[in-house]
Protein backbone atom coordinates (compact mmCIF):
# COMPACT_ATOMS: atom_id res chain seq x y z
CA MET A 1 14.76 20.16 -30.28
CA LYS A 2 16.51 23.52 -29.61
CA THR A 3 17.35 24.34 -25.89
CA ALA A 4 15.03 27.25 -25.76
CA GLN A 5 12.20 25.15 -27.21
CA ASN A 6 13.01 22.46 -24.64
CA LEU A 7 12.70 24.82 -21.87
CA GLU A 8 9.47 26.18 -23.03
CA LEU A 9 7.95 22.66 -23.53
CA MET A 10 9.12 21.91 -20.07
CA ARG A 11 7.58 24.98 -18.67
CA ALA A 12 4.18 23.96 -20.39
CA PHE A 13 4.34 20.62 -18.87
CA ALA A 14 5.12 22.13 -15.50
CA ALA A 15 2.08 24.48 -15.82
CA GLU A 16 -0.20 21.69 -16.88
CA LEU A 17 0.95 19.55 -14.13
CA LYS A 18 0.33 22.07 -11.41
CA ALA A 19 -3.03 23.04 -12.91
CA ARG A 20 -4.29 19.59 -13.04
CA ARG A 21 -3.08 18.90 -9.47
CA SER A 22 -4.76 22.16 -8.26
CA GLU A 23 -7.92 21.22 -10.03
CA LEU A 24 -8.01 17.95 -8.01
CA GLY A 25 -7.29 19.79 -4.90
CA ILE A 26 -4.48 17.57 -3.94
CA SER A 27 -0.88 18.59 -2.54
CA GLN A 28 2.26 17.69 -4.30
CA GLU A 29 2.69 15.13 -1.48
CA GLU A 30 -0.52 13.48 -2.40
CA LEU A 31 0.33 13.45 -6.07
CA ALA A 32 3.68 11.98 -5.31
CA HIS A 33 2.01 9.28 -3.28
CA ARG A 34 -0.55 8.47 -5.99
CA SER A 35 2.05 8.42 -8.69
CA ASP A 36 4.81 6.46 -6.64
CA VAL A 37 7.48 9.23 -7.08
CA ASN A 38 9.24 11.50 -4.69
CA ARG A 39 7.48 14.75 -3.67
CA THR A 40 10.58 16.86 -4.38
CA PHE A 41 10.62 15.35 -7.78
CA VAL A 42 7.05 16.61 -8.21
CA ALA A 43 7.99 20.07 -6.97
CA LYS A 44 10.91 20.25 -9.34
CA LEU A 45 8.72 19.21 -12.28
CA GLU A 46 6.42 21.99 -11.45
CA LEU A 47 9.22 24.44 -11.51
CA ALA A 48 10.40 23.03 -14.82
CA GLN A 49 13.77 21.91 -13.23
CA ASN A 50 13.35 18.22 -14.02
CA GLN A 51 12.59 16.28 -17.13
CA PRO A 52 10.44 13.19 -16.48
CA THR A 53 10.98 9.84 -18.09
CA LEU A 54 8.29 8.08 -19.87
CA THR A 55 7.80 5.91 -16.96
CA VAL A 56 7.28 8.82 -14.69
CA LEU A 57 4.96 10.44 -17.18
CA LEU A 58 2.83 7.30 -17.01
CA LYS A 59 2.94 7.37 -13.25
CA LEU A 60 1.88 10.98 -13.09
CA ALA A 61 -1.03 10.58 -15.58
CA GLY A 62 -2.12 7.81 -13.35
CA GLY A 63 -1.81 9.86 -10.23
CA LEU A 64 -3.84 12.59 -11.95
CA GLY A 65 -6.44 10.15 -13.20
CA VAL A 66 -5.95 10.82 -16.83
CA GLU A 67 -4.54 9.01 -19.83
CA LEU A 68 -1.01 9.76 -20.84
CA PRO A 69 -1.97 10.76 -24.46
CA GLU A 70 -4.48 13.36 -22.90
CA LEU A 71 -1.87 14.85 -20.64
CA LEU A 72 0.63 15.16 -23.50
CA GLN A 73 -1.93 16.59 -26.08
CA VAL A 74 -2.98 19.31 -23.51
CA THR A 75 0.70 19.98 -22.70
CA LEU A 76 1.51 20.39 -26.50
CA LYS A 77 -1.57 22.74 -26.89
CA ARG A 78 -0.54 24.80 -23.99
CA TYR A 79 3.11 25.03 -25.54
CA LYS A 80 1.92 26.09 -28.86
CA THR A 81 -0.55 28.63 -27.42
CA GLU A 82 2.36 30.14 -25.31
CA ALA A 83 4.70 30.10 -28.29
CA ARG A 84 2.22 32.03 -30.38
CA LEU A 85 1.57 34.51 -27.61
CA SER A 86 5.35 35.22 -27.06
CA LYS A 87 5.89 35.98 -30.81
CA LYS A 88 3.27 38.66 -30.64
């Protein structure tokens, strides 16, 4: 995957993570606690400054109360939508 595409995918994941967390009305600290990860790591994910491992993705999905495939599908949909919009 090209670097620009990778960055855009990271941004789509960051936006989805933050949106889901906000919908639940929980803080980064609470999501970190539920997911057994560090709060600063969650913050960096939401800023698209870190790339999560598969293990972390599973933990985050659990912390958000969703299945990982759903989280990934919605992230991919967001990525494709944003890519289409940026081409216009």
